[in-house]
Amino acid sequence: MTINTLYGLVRNSTERFASRIAFSMYEGDELTYAEVGRRIERVQEILTGAGLQAGDKVALLSSNMPNWGVCYFAVTSAGMIAVPILPDFSGEELDMIIEHSEAKALLVSDKLFTKLSKQTIERLNVVVRTKNLGIISQRVRAAGSTGIPSPDDLAVIIYTSGTTSKPKGVMLTHKALCAQVDMSAAIFPIGGQDVFLSVLPLSHTYECSIGMIYPFSMGARVVYLDRPPTASALMPALRTVRPTVMLIVPLIIEKIYRHQVLAKFNSNGMWRAVYRVGFLRRYLHRVAGKKLMKLFGRRLRFLGIGGAKLDRGAEQFLLEARVPYAIGYGLTETAPLLAGAAPSQVRLGSTGPQAPGVQLRLENINPETRQGEIVALTPSVMLGYYKNPEATKEAFTADGWFRTGDLGEFDSDGWLYIKGRLKNMIVGPGGENIYPEDIESVLNSHVCIADSIVTEQEGRLIALVHFNREEIEAMIDDWREEWATQKEAWEAKTEQLKQEILDFVNAKVNRFSRISEVVEEKEDFIKTPTHKIKRFLYNKRGKASGSVANAETGASDAKPGTKS
């Protein structure tokens, strides 16, 4: 049976899987599918009691919890339009998004409610607390109505947060979101026995489509973590939940790789020598992989990775450690999946072939590199950007394919390899295409680097790096008695590290991608709410020699990987 509206999906799941657990909090409440259905009706009664009708917008600003899904499905299955908002937007941005979306109601968690202005709250018909579905405030009391949506009706408006401009509202239909279920099932089937551990914000399309809508449609269970996925929070949850499926961003697995694996094998000369031998490295990775799988509870069948480019060293570890991972590729504008593979099919550096039902091609192909911009034809493509016809027009080719803005290439089997963002590409002095993401991947594989950005200044490639203080301070502890103060020792060590990093990177990249200078960025890089560095701030600063604070701010551009 083909389901092409969220109304149909909710009805099917709440009836078919009524007694199963749908959503639960880690060490907290559990909701059966039947209870989800009852709570959906309660939310719809509140909304219609405040005069809302099918077609009205409802903002959803909440931390992860079972009632997030309840609220999302309540709005969309009533024929209303959900506006899920990233929790990390600033208060000013939140006010702007709620106003721009023309939302008439707000479903909000306690901490995020305090970020909103009084003026925004006073304009809304009703404000509902997501924790207990109680009414915080109600300005309008009138009889509204629900409606049964059609497949082509607008279901959600998602405001993206990228790196080059102001947020844009991506409009996705019921049909677009439901198509993600069929794509996901064709790549990696799941069922009622599966348990998801959810650690990414549900306002990300990636987590919402693949980590909530998909398991809900199949009768699976989703467990939510009520705190950031730090090691101290994640480890006990993994032991207790023992997930079979989990979606993460590269940052999480890269931290595990750098601090638990790479740090160990860089700790002394003997380990470094052993680690450089291929078959020994593979053996060590296999041993580490067994420990990692034990940490995950020994039931893990699928570790989905998306949101940004995964460090090649970290991916090689996962592959050789035999962790059942897969890297997906997509954008918020495509709901999000465009390409992906099952763990049994992964190839190092590839996001897999185009997803079932999706067509991908390259435009403006460079004949030497065989790389071009990835454009897509997919049933999950957006209608456009809300109230932004100019940006909508620019996002599509003349024949209606969506422009991803990503550079890629296909191998002979049709497997896709992402090279970087078209807007980020640097043209070298000899006309060479230089992808800063590739160089940054090498930089970030260094144990002493937390984050990096590669920029071009007057024809030279400059690496801005934010050091991993814990790693460097551990080194300083070994020899700081040679220096008068810890500050002096720190400065001496970082100067030494800059040259080491320069040599480290330039030995691993092609001739025209070699960096000329390493510059320490002492403060954390400024990031978007989806934790991607606002690259344009640092590119502008490099060319104008100004400060980040003086650069233009903004927040919307999709990134390689499964993005949202």
Protein backbone atom coordinates (compact mmCIF):
# COMPACT_ATOMS: atom_id res chain seq x y z
CA MET A 1 0.00 0.00 0.00
CA THR A 2 1.40 3.36 -1.06
CA ILE A 3 0.97 6.14 1.51
CA ASN A 4 1.47 9.64 0.13
CA THR A 5 0.22 11.93 2.91
CA LEU A 6 1.24 12.24 6.55
CA TYR A 7 -2.47 11.98 7.39
CA GLY A 8 -2.57 8.50 5.83
CA LEU A 9 0.74 7.55 7.45
CA VAL A 10 -0.45 8.52 10.93
CA ARG A 11 -3.76 6.70 10.58
CA ASN A 12 -2.08 3.55 9.29
CA SER A 13 0.60 3.41 12.00
CA THR A 14 -1.57 4.29 15.00
CA GLU A 15 -4.08 1.61 14.03
CA ARG A 16 -1.71 -1.09 12.81
CA PHE A 17 0.90 -0.80 15.58
CA ALA A 18 -1.38 0.44 18.37
CA SER A 19 0.16 -1.56 21.24
CA ARG A 20 3.81 -1.03 20.30
CA ILE A 21 6.04 1.66 21.79
CA ALA A 22 6.48 4.48 19.28
CA PHE A 23 8.46 7.15 21.15
CA SER A 24 10.17 7.21 24.54
CA MET A 25 12.61 9.31 26.53
CA TYR A 26 15.81 7.71 27.72
CA GLU A 27 15.04 6.86 31.36
CA GLY A 28 11.63 8.50 30.95
CA ASP A 29 8.09 8.19 29.59
CA GLU A 30 7.04 5.76 26.86
CA LEU A 31 4.26 6.37 24.35
CA THR A 32 2.49 3.61 22.44
CA TYR A 33 1.33 4.26 18.90
CA ALA A 34 -2.24 4.39 20.24
CA GLU A 35 -1.28 7.04 22.82
CA VAL A 36 0.46 9.05 20.09
CA GLY A 37 -2.86 9.01 18.22
CA ARG A 38 -4.77 10.22 21.29
CA ARG A 39 -2.29 13.04 21.94
CA ILE A 40 -2.47 14.08 18.28
CA GLU A 41 -6.21 14.56 18.68
CA ARG A 42 -5.66 16.62 21.85
CA VAL A 43 -3.25 18.99 20.08
CA GLN A 44 -5.62 19.35 17.13
CA GLU A 45 -8.47 20.25 19.51
CA ILE A 46 -6.32 22.99 21.07
CA LEU A 47 -5.38 24.41 17.67
CA THR A 48 -8.90 24.40 16.24
CA GLY A 49 -10.18 25.86 19.54
CA ALA A 50 -7.91 28.84 18.85
CA GLY A 51 -9.44 29.39 15.42
CA LEU A 52 -6.84 27.60 13.29
CA GLN A 53 -7.89 25.94 10.05
CA ALA A 54 -6.33 23.70 7.42
CA GLY A 55 -3.64 25.65 5.59
CA ASP A 56 -2.60 27.72 8.64
CA LYS A 57 1.02 27.62 9.80
CA VAL A 58 2.07 26.33 13.21
CA ALA A 59 5.62 26.87 14.49
CA LEU A 60 7.27 23.98 16.34
CA LEU A 61 10.19 25.09 18.50
CA SER A 62 11.17 22.33 20.88
CA SER A 63 13.94 20.13 22.14
CA ASN A 64 13.70 16.43 21.29
CA MET A 65 10.99 14.53 23.16
CA PRO A 66 8.12 12.15 22.30
CA ASN A 67 5.70 15.09 22.10
CA TRP A 68 7.81 16.65 19.30
CA GLY A 69 6.60 13.90 16.98
CA VAL A 70 3.08 14.16 18.41
CA CYS A 71 2.97 17.88 17.63
CA TYR A 72 4.50 17.49 14.16
CA PHE A 73 2.01 14.80 13.15
CA ALA A 74 -0.90 16.67 14.79
CA VAL A 75 -0.26 19.74 12.66
CA THR A 76 0.48 18.03 9.35
CA SER A 77 -2.26 15.37 9.56
CA ALA A 78 -4.79 18.15 10.24
CA GLY A 79 -3.99 19.76 6.90
CA MET A 80 -2.10 22.58 8.64
CA ILE A 81 1.51 23.46 7.85
CA ALA A 82 4.26 22.76 10.37
CA VAL A 83 7.21 25.12 10.70
CA PRO A 84 9.91 23.16 12.61
CA ILE A 85 12.58 25.59 13.83
CA LEU A 86 16.16 24.80 14.81
CA PRO A 87 16.64 25.39 18.55
CA ASP A 88 20.04 27.03 18.05
CA PHE A 89 18.76 30.08 16.18
CA SER A 90 19.16 33.33 18.10
CA GLY A 91 16.14 34.98 19.68
CA GLU A 92 16.11 37.61 16.95
CA GLU A 93 16.21 34.93 14.24
CA LEU A 94 13.41 32.98 15.94
CA ASP A 95 11.19 36.07 16.02
CA MET A 96 11.97 36.75 12.36
CA ILE A 97 11.17 33.16 11.27
CA ILE A 98 7.86 33.04 13.16
CA GLU A 99 6.84 36.38 11.63
CA HIS A 100 8.04 35.50 8.13
CA SER A 101 6.27 32.13 8.16
CA GLU A 102 2.99 33.79 9.23
CA ALA A 103 2.58 31.18 11.97
CA LYS A 104 -0.63 31.56 13.97
CA ALA A 105 0.31 29.14 16.76
CA LEU A 106 3.43 27.96 18.53
CA LEU A 107 4.30 24.62 20.11
CA VAL A 108 7.34 25.26 22.31
CA SER A 109 9.52 23.69 25.00
CA ASP A 110 10.23 25.54 28.23
CA LYS A 111 13.83 26.71 27.72
CA LEU A 112 13.24 27.86 24.15
CA PHE A 113 10.14 29.84 25.11
CA THR A 114 12.35 32.29 27.02
CA LYS A 115 14.28 33.17 23.83
CA LEU A 116 11.20 34.68 22.18
CA SER A 117 10.14 38.31 22.42
CA LYS A 118 6.94 39.37 24.14
CA GLN A 119 5.73 40.92 20.88
CA THR A 120 6.01 37.58 19.06
CA ILE A 121 4.06 35.72 21.75
CA GLU A 122 1.31 38.36 21.79
CA ARG A 123 0.73 38.03 18.03
CA LEU A 124 -0.01 34.27 18.20
CA ASN A 125 -3.49 32.76 18.55
CA VAL A 126 -2.23 30.15 21.01
CA VAL A 127 1.05 28.96 22.55
CA VAL A 128 1.28 25.33 23.71
CA ARG A 129 3.88 23.76 25.97
CA THR A 130 5.30 20.65 24.30
CA LYS A 131 6.28 18.97 27.58
CA ASN A 132 2.71 18.39 28.78
CA LEU A 133 0.60 19.85 25.92
CA GLY A 134 -0.74 22.51 28.27
CA ILE A 135 -1.72 25.98 27.05
CA ILE A 136 0.77 28.74 27.95
CA SER A 137 -1.27 31.58 26.45
CA GLN A 138 -4.31 31.93 24.21
CA ARG A 139 -5.34 35.15 22.50
CA VAL A 140 -8.05 33.80 20.19
CA ARG A 141 -10.99 31.57 21.08
CA ALA A 142 -12.92 30.53 17.99
CA ALA A 143 -14.06 27.43 16.14
CA GLY A 144 -11.47 26.35 13.60
CA SER A 145 -11.35 23.17 11.53
CA THR A 146 -9.04 20.45 10.26
CA GLY A 147 -8.84 19.09 6.73
CA ILE A 148 -7.58 15.96 5.02
CA PRO A 149 -4.50 16.96 3.01
CA SER A 150 -3.80 15.83 -0.54
CA PRO A 151 -0.35 14.54 -1.62
CA ASP A 152 0.57 17.81 -3.33
CA ASP A 153 -0.45 20.01 -0.39
CA LEU A 154 2.25 21.86 1.52
CA ALA A 155 3.14 19.98 4.73
CA VAL A 156 6.12 21.84 6.21
CA ILE A 157 8.25 24.95 5.83
CA ILE A 158 11.79 24.39 7.08
CA TYR A 159 14.10 27.34 7.54
CA THR A 160 17.60 26.29 6.57
CA SER A 161 20.77 27.40 8.28
CA GLY A 162 23.81 27.37 6.10
CA THR A 163 26.87 29.52 5.65
CA THR A 164 26.35 32.29 3.11
CA SER A 165 23.03 34.14 3.44
CA LYS A 166 19.85 34.64 5.46
CA PRO A 167 17.61 31.66 6.29
CA LYS A 168 15.25 30.50 3.54
CA GLY A 169 11.98 28.65 4.08
CA VAL A 170 12.03 25.34 2.21
CA MET A 171 8.50 24.21 1.27
CA LEU A 172 7.98 20.43 1.28
CA THR A 173 4.77 18.61 0.36
CA HIS A 174 3.20 15.52 1.92
CA LYS A 175 4.17 13.53 -1.17
CA ALA A 176 7.80 14.67 -0.90
CA LEU A 177 8.12 13.57 2.73
CA CYS A 178 6.31 10.25 2.24
CA ALA A 179 8.55 9.42 -0.74
CA GLN A 180 11.46 9.37 1.72
CA VAL A 181 9.90 6.34 3.42
CA ASP A 182 9.96 4.30 0.21
CA MET A 183 13.53 5.42 -0.61
CA SER A 184 14.78 4.56 2.87
CA ALA A 185 13.05 1.17 2.89
CA ALA A 186 14.57 0.26 -0.47
CA ILE A 187 18.07 1.07 0.79
CA PHE A 188 17.80 -0.38 4.31
CA PRO A 189 14.58 -2.08 5.45
CA ILE A 190 13.53 -1.83 9.12
CA GLY A 191 10.70 -3.28 11.19
CA GLY A 192 9.04 -3.46 14.57
CA GLN A 193 12.12 -5.04 16.13
CA ASP A 194 14.25 -1.98 15.44
CA VAL A 195 15.14 0.58 18.10
CA PHE A 196 16.45 4.02 17.08
CA LEU A 197 18.48 6.18 19.45
CA SER A 198 17.85 9.79 18.42
CA VAL A 199 20.55 12.34 19.28
CA LEU A 200 20.19 14.92 16.48
CA PRO A 201 17.65 17.79 16.59
CA LEU A 202 14.33 16.72 15.08
CA SER A 203 14.09 20.08 13.33
CA HIS A 204 16.84 18.80 11.00
CA THR A 205 15.22 17.24 7.94
CA TYR A 206 17.70 14.36 8.17
CA GLU A 207 16.60 13.32 11.66
CA CYS A 208 12.94 14.14 11.05
CA SER A 209 12.53 12.20 7.79
CA ILE A 210 14.87 9.25 8.33
CA GLY A 211 14.93 9.15 12.13
CA MET A 212 11.26 9.82 12.94
CA ILE A 213 8.84 9.57 10.00
CA TYR A 214 10.49 6.42 8.59
CA PRO A 215 10.55 4.38 11.84
CA PHE A 216 7.01 5.59 12.73
CA SER A 217 5.76 4.29 9.40
CA MET A 218 7.29 0.85 10.07
CA GLY A 219 6.24 0.30 13.68
CA ALA A 220 9.74 0.77 15.09
CA ARG A 221 10.65 2.51 18.35
CA VAL A 222 12.57 5.78 18.77
CA VAL A 223 14.31 6.66 22.04
CA TYR A 224 15.24 10.30 22.65
CA LEU A 225 18.22 11.60 24.58
CA ASP A 226 17.30 14.71 26.59
CA ARG A 227 20.80 16.19 26.59
CA PRO A 228 23.61 16.93 24.08
CA PRO A 229 25.35 13.74 22.86
CA THR A 230 28.60 14.23 24.78
CA ALA A 231 30.59 11.12 25.66
CA SER A 232 29.41 11.19 29.28
CA ALA A 233 25.75 11.36 28.20
CA LEU A 234 25.97 9.03 25.22
CA MET A 235 27.85 6.09 26.74
CA PRO A 236 25.27 5.08 29.40
CA ALA A 237 22.43 5.63 26.91
CA LEU A 238 24.06 3.30 24.39
CA ARG A 239 24.54 0.61 27.03
CA THR A 240 20.90 0.85 28.14
CA VAL A 241 19.08 1.38 24.83
CA ARG A 242 21.31 -0.90 22.72
CA PRO A 243 20.07 0.68 19.47
CA THR A 244 19.84 -1.18 16.19
CA VAL A 245 19.79 2.08 14.19
CA MET A 246 21.34 5.47 14.90
CA LEU A 247 21.86 8.61 12.85
CA ILE A 248 24.81 10.89 13.62
CA VAL A 249 26.79 13.74 12.13
CA PRO A 250 30.51 13.25 11.29
CA LEU A 251 31.61 15.31 14.30
CA ILE A 252 30.51 12.58 16.73
CA ILE A 253 32.39 9.72 15.08
CA GLU A 254 35.39 11.92 14.29
CA LYS A 255 35.74 12.74 17.98
CA ILE A 256 35.69 9.05 18.86
CA TYR A 257 38.28 8.34 16.17
CA ARG A 258 40.62 11.18 17.13
CA HIS A 259 40.46 10.86 20.90
CA GLN A 260 40.08 7.11 21.34
CA VAL A 261 41.87 5.65 18.31
CA LEU A 262 44.26 8.13 16.71
CA ALA A 263 45.44 9.57 20.03
CA LYS A 264 46.37 6.08 21.22
CA PHE A 265 48.35 5.24 18.09
CA ASN A 266 50.13 8.61 18.09
CA SER A 267 51.08 8.39 21.76
CA ASN A 268 54.67 7.25 21.12
CA GLY A 269 57.10 6.32 18.36
CA MET A 270 56.50 2.59 18.59
CA TRP A 271 52.74 2.88 18.12
CA ARG A 272 53.21 5.37 15.25
CA ALA A 273 55.55 2.94 13.47
CA VAL A 274 53.15 0.02 13.94
CA TYR A 275 50.16 2.09 12.80
CA ARG A 276 51.87 3.00 9.52
CA VAL A 277 52.02 -0.67 8.45
CA GLY A 278 48.85 -1.43 6.49
CA PHE A 279 47.98 -4.91 7.70
CA LEU A 280 48.82 -4.00 11.30
CA ARG A 281 46.66 -0.88 11.12
CA ARG A 282 43.76 -2.95 9.78
CA TYR A 283 44.19 -5.46 12.61
CA LEU A 284 44.26 -2.69 15.23
CA HIS A 285 41.17 -1.11 13.68
CA ARG A 286 39.37 -4.46 13.81
CA VAL A 287 40.17 -4.83 17.51
CA ALA A 288 39.02 -1.25 18.17
CA GLY A 289 35.87 -1.91 16.12
CA LYS A 290 34.87 -4.82 18.33
CA LYS A 291 35.19 -2.57 21.38
CA LEU A 292 33.13 0.12 19.66
CA MET A 293 30.37 -2.31 18.73
CA LYS A 294 30.30 -3.51 22.34
CA LEU A 295 29.95 0.13 23.40
CA PHE A 296 26.94 0.47 21.08
CA GLY A 297 25.28 -2.53 22.73
CA ARG A 298 26.17 -5.20 20.13
CA ARG A 299 22.85 -4.81 18.27
CA LEU A 300 23.78 -1.99 15.88
CA ARG A 301 22.74 -2.75 12.29
CA PHE A 302 22.92 0.72 10.75
CA LEU A 303 24.97 3.78 11.68
CA GLY A 304 23.84 6.53 9.32
CA ILE A 305 26.24 9.44 8.87
CA GLY A 306 25.32 12.72 7.19
CA GLY A 307 25.21 16.49 7.53
CA ALA A 308 28.76 17.24 6.38
CA LYS A 309 31.79 15.58 4.83
CA LEU A 310 33.26 12.75 6.90
CA ASP A 311 37.01 12.83 7.53
CA ARG A 312 38.63 10.19 5.30
CA GLY A 313 40.75 8.78 8.13
CA ALA A 314 37.69 8.35 10.34
CA GLU A 315 35.81 6.63 7.51
CA GLN A 316 38.74 4.31 6.81
CA PHE A 317 38.67 3.35 10.49
CA LEU A 318 34.94 2.55 10.35
CA LEU A 319 35.39 0.49 7.19
CA GLU A 320 38.36 -1.50 8.49
CA ALA A 321 36.75 -1.84 11.93
CA ARG A 322 33.69 -3.39 10.24
CA VAL A 323 31.25 -0.98 11.82
CA PRO A 324 27.92 -1.13 9.89
CA TYR A 325 27.98 2.49 8.73
CA ALA A 326 26.70 4.22 5.62
CA ILE A 327 27.00 7.81 4.40
CA GLY A 328 23.95 9.47 2.90
CA TYR A 329 23.77 12.54 0.70
CA GLY A 330 20.97 15.04 0.41
CA LEU A 331 19.69 18.49 1.26
CA THR A 332 16.82 20.06 3.13
CA GLU A 333 15.43 21.04 -0.27
CA THR A 334 15.14 17.35 -1.21
CA ALA A 335 13.65 16.15 2.11
CA PRO A 336 16.65 15.13 2.23
CA LEU A 337 17.85 11.86 0.64
CA LEU A 338 19.39 11.85 -2.86
CA ALA A 339 22.00 9.08 -2.64
CA GLY A 340 22.87 6.33 -0.22
CA ALA A 341 23.79 2.69 0.29
CA ALA A 342 23.40 -0.07 2.84
CA PRO A 343 26.36 -0.78 5.17
CA SER A 344 27.17 -3.94 3.20
CA GLN A 345 27.75 -1.84 0.07
CA VAL A 346 29.88 1.07 1.29
CA ARG A 347 32.88 2.28 -0.67
CA LEU A 348 35.48 4.56 0.88
CA GLY A 349 34.77 8.21 0.04
CA SER A 350 31.45 7.61 -1.71
CA THR A 351 27.89 8.41 -0.67
CA GLY A 352 26.65 5.48 -2.76
CA PRO A 353 24.50 5.50 -5.91
CA GLN A 354 21.42 7.65 -6.48
CA ALA A 355 18.53 6.66 -4.24
CA PRO A 356 15.64 4.64 -5.74
CA GLY A 357 13.31 7.00 -7.59
CA VAL A 358 15.97 9.71 -7.84
CA GLN A 359 17.88 10.77 -10.94
CA LEU A 360 21.22 12.58 -10.67
CA ARG A 361 23.40 14.11 -13.34
CA LEU A 362 26.34 16.51 -13.56
CA GLU A 363 26.25 19.90 -15.26
CA ASN A 364 29.13 22.07 -16.52
CA ILE A 365 31.53 19.12 -16.30
CA ASN A 366 35.24 19.88 -16.24
CA PRO A 367 36.68 17.59 -18.97
CA GLU A 368 39.94 17.11 -17.07
CA THR A 369 38.52 16.26 -13.64
CA ARG A 370 35.15 14.81 -14.83
CA GLN A 371 33.56 16.81 -12.04
CA GLY A 372 30.49 18.99 -12.30
CA GLU A 373 27.58 20.39 -10.35
CA ILE A 374 25.17 17.72 -9.11
CA VAL A 375 21.58 18.35 -10.22
CA ALA A 376 18.67 16.15 -9.16
CA LEU A 377 15.23 15.06 -10.27
CA THR A 378 13.41 13.60 -7.26
CA PRO A 379 9.84 13.13 -6.04
CA SER A 380 11.00 14.72 -2.76
CA VAL A 381 12.07 18.07 -4.19
CA MET A 382 10.75 21.25 -2.59
CA LEU A 383 8.03 23.42 -4.10
CA GLY A 384 10.40 26.36 -3.63
CA TYR A 385 11.52 28.87 -1.03
CA TYR A 386 8.64 30.49 0.85
CA LYS A 387 7.96 34.03 -0.39
CA ASN A 388 11.25 34.05 -2.33
CA PRO A 389 10.56 33.49 -6.06
CA GLU A 390 13.98 34.79 -7.12
CA ALA A 391 15.87 32.22 -5.02
CA THR A 392 13.43 29.52 -6.15
CA LYS A 393 14.07 30.26 -9.82
CA GLU A 394 17.84 30.16 -9.31
CA ALA A 395 17.57 26.75 -7.60
CA PHE A 396 16.31 24.94 -10.70
CA THR A 397 17.65 24.26 -14.20
CA ALA A 398 15.66 25.21 -17.28
CA ASP A 399 14.30 21.65 -17.50
CA GLY A 400 13.24 21.56 -13.83
CA TRP A 401 16.11 19.72 -12.11
CA PHE A 402 17.20 20.96 -8.69
CA ARG A 403 20.66 22.53 -8.46
CA THR A 404 22.41 21.19 -5.37
CA GLY A 405 25.37 23.58 -5.49
CA ASP A 406 27.65 20.59 -4.79
CA LEU A 407 30.48 19.41 -7.02
CA GLY A 408 30.76 15.71 -7.59
CA GLU A 409 31.78 12.91 -9.89
CA PHE A 410 30.51 9.41 -10.64
CA ASP A 411 32.60 6.29 -11.00
CA SER A 412 31.92 3.74 -13.75
CA ASP A 413 29.33 2.00 -11.53
CA GLY A 414 27.37 5.18 -10.88
CA TRP A 415 28.60 5.73 -7.32
CA LEU A 416 28.71 9.37 -6.32
CA TYR A 417 31.72 11.11 -4.81
CA ILE A 418 31.20 14.60 -3.37
CA LYS A 419 34.09 16.99 -3.98
CA GLY A 420 32.86 20.15 -2.27
CA ARG A 421 30.62 23.18 -2.58
CA LEU A 422 30.63 25.01 -5.90
CA LYS A 423 30.68 28.35 -4.05
CA ASN A 424 33.67 27.25 -1.95
CA MET A 425 35.88 26.14 -4.84
CA ILE A 426 39.12 28.13 -5.23
CA VAL A 427 40.67 28.56 -8.67
CA GLY A 428 44.45 28.13 -8.50
CA PRO A 429 47.02 30.31 -10.32
CA GLY A 430 47.18 27.76 -13.14
CA GLY A 431 43.40 27.42 -13.39
CA GLU A 432 43.31 24.37 -11.12
CA ASN A 433 40.14 23.60 -9.15
CA ILE A 434 41.00 23.54 -5.45
CA TYR A 435 38.46 22.19 -2.98
CA PRO A 436 39.08 23.59 0.52
CA GLU A 437 36.96 20.79 2.06
CA ASP A 438 39.54 18.22 0.88
CA ILE A 439 42.39 20.12 2.52
CA GLU A 440 40.34 20.69 5.67
CA SER A 441 39.67 16.97 5.87
CA VAL A 442 43.43 16.40 6.06
CA LEU A 443 43.85 19.22 8.57
CA ASN A 444 41.08 17.91 10.82
CA SER A 445 42.63 14.46 10.86
CA HIS A 446 45.53 15.92 12.88
CA VAL A 447 45.04 15.08 16.54
CA CYS A 448 45.82 18.64 17.67
CA ILE A 449 43.23 20.36 15.44
CA ALA A 450 39.61 20.79 16.53
CA ASP A 451 38.41 22.73 13.46
CA SER A 452 39.82 24.42 10.39
CA ILE A 453 39.03 26.61 7.41
CA VAL A 454 41.14 27.03 4.26
CA THR A 455 40.94 30.42 2.57
CA GLU A 456 42.68 32.11 -0.35
CA GLN A 457 44.55 35.35 0.28
CA GLU A 458 46.40 37.08 -2.55
CA GLY A 459 46.94 33.82 -4.40
CA ARG A 460 48.11 31.90 -1.32
CA LEU A 461 46.22 29.18 0.56
CA ILE A 462 45.96 29.95 4.27
CA ALA A 463 44.78 27.48 6.89
CA LEU A 464 42.93 28.96 9.86
CA VAL A 465 42.97 26.38 12.64
CA HIS A 466 41.39 26.14 16.06
CA PHE A 467 43.59 23.91 18.18
CA ASN A 468 42.41 21.09 20.43
CA ARG A 469 43.52 22.54 23.75
CA GLU A 470 43.23 19.27 25.66
CA GLU A 471 45.65 17.48 23.37
CA ILE A 472 48.18 20.31 23.37
CA GLU A 473 48.00 20.88 27.11
CA ALA A 474 48.66 17.19 27.64
CA MET A 475 51.85 17.61 25.61
CA ILE A 476 52.81 20.76 27.50
CA ASP A 477 52.52 18.95 30.83
CA ASP A 478 55.40 16.72 29.76
CA TRP A 479 57.91 19.51 29.20
CA ARG A 480 56.54 22.79 30.56
CA GLU A 481 59.23 22.98 33.27
CA GLU A 482 61.46 24.26 30.48
CA TRP A 483 59.34 27.41 30.32
CA ALA A 484 58.56 30.10 32.88
CA THR A 485 54.76 30.00 32.47
CA GLN A 486 52.11 27.79 30.92
CA LYS A 487 51.24 30.63 28.53
CA GLU A 488 54.83 30.74 27.33
CA ALA A 489 54.85 26.97 26.90
CA TRP A 490 51.54 27.10 25.02
CA GLU A 491 52.79 29.76 22.59
CA ALA A 492 56.02 27.87 21.98
CA LYS A 493 54.19 24.61 21.33
CA THR A 494 51.61 26.11 18.99
CA GLU A 495 54.33 27.82 16.93
CA GLN A 496 56.07 24.47 16.63
CA LEU A 497 52.78 22.80 15.73
CA LYS A 498 52.08 25.27 12.92
CA GLN A 499 55.17 24.10 11.05
CA GLU A 500 54.41 20.45 11.82
CA ILE A 501 50.87 20.88 10.47
CA LEU A 502 52.14 22.67 7.37
CA ASP A 503 54.46 19.74 6.62
CA PHE A 504 51.78 17.19 7.59
CA VAL A 505 49.18 18.62 5.20
CA ASN A 506 51.45 19.41 2.28
CA ALA A 507 52.77 15.85 2.28
CA LYS A 508 49.21 14.56 1.76
CA VAL A 509 47.70 16.93 -0.83
CA ASN A 510 48.46 17.62 -4.48
CA ARG A 511 50.92 20.32 -5.47
CA PHE A 512 48.41 23.11 -6.12
CA SER A 513 46.49 22.41 -2.86
CA ARG A 514 49.48 22.98 -0.60
CA ILE A 515 48.98 25.60 2.09
CA SER A 516 51.40 28.49 2.58
CA GLU A 517 50.66 29.39 6.17
CA VAL A 518 48.90 28.12 9.29
CA VAL A 519 47.17 30.77 11.38
CA GLU A 520 45.79 30.03 14.83
CA GLU A 521 42.15 30.94 15.36
CA LYS A 522 42.07 31.33 19.14
CA GLU A 523 38.30 31.48 19.52
CA ASP A 524 35.86 28.80 18.39
CA PHE A 525 34.76 29.28 14.80
CA ILE A 526 31.38 30.97 14.45
CA LYS A 527 28.90 28.31 13.35
CA THR A 528 25.37 27.99 12.08
CA PRO A 529 22.63 26.35 14.19
CA THR A 530 23.49 23.09 12.36
CA HIS A 531 27.07 23.43 13.59
CA LYS A 532 28.67 24.19 10.24
CA ILE A 533 31.32 26.92 10.19
CA LYS A 534 30.10 30.19 8.68
CA ARG A 535 32.78 30.00 6.02
CA PHE A 536 31.93 33.30 4.36
CA LEU A 537 32.84 35.25 7.51
CA TYR A 538 36.41 33.97 7.36
CA ASN A 539 36.73 34.24 3.58
CA LYS A 540 35.68 37.88 3.77
CA ARG A 541 37.95 38.59 6.68
CA GLY A 542 40.90 37.05 4.87
CA LYS A 543 40.40 39.16 1.76
CA ALA A 544 39.63 42.38 3.62
CA SER A 545 41.92 41.81 6.62
CA GLY A 546 39.02 42.74 8.86
CA SER A 547 37.54 41.04 11.89
CA VAL A 548 34.81 38.43 11.99
CA ALA A 549 32.65 40.80 14.01
CA ASN A 550 32.67 43.29 11.13
CA ALA A 551 31.79 40.75 8.46
CA GLU A 552 28.30 40.38 7.10
CA THR A 553 26.29 37.74 8.93
CA GLY A 554 23.88 35.19 7.51
CA ALA A 555 22.87 31.57 7.67
CA SER A 556 21.75 29.51 4.73
CA ASP A 557 23.63 27.22 2.44
CA ALA A 558 23.50 23.47 2.18
CA LYS A 559 26.61 21.35 2.69
CA PRO A 560 27.97 18.10 1.29
CA GLY A 561 26.61 15.08 3.10
CA THR A 562 23.02 14.52 4.11
CA LYS A 563 22.18 18.08 4.95
CA SER A 564 19.40 19.84 6.70
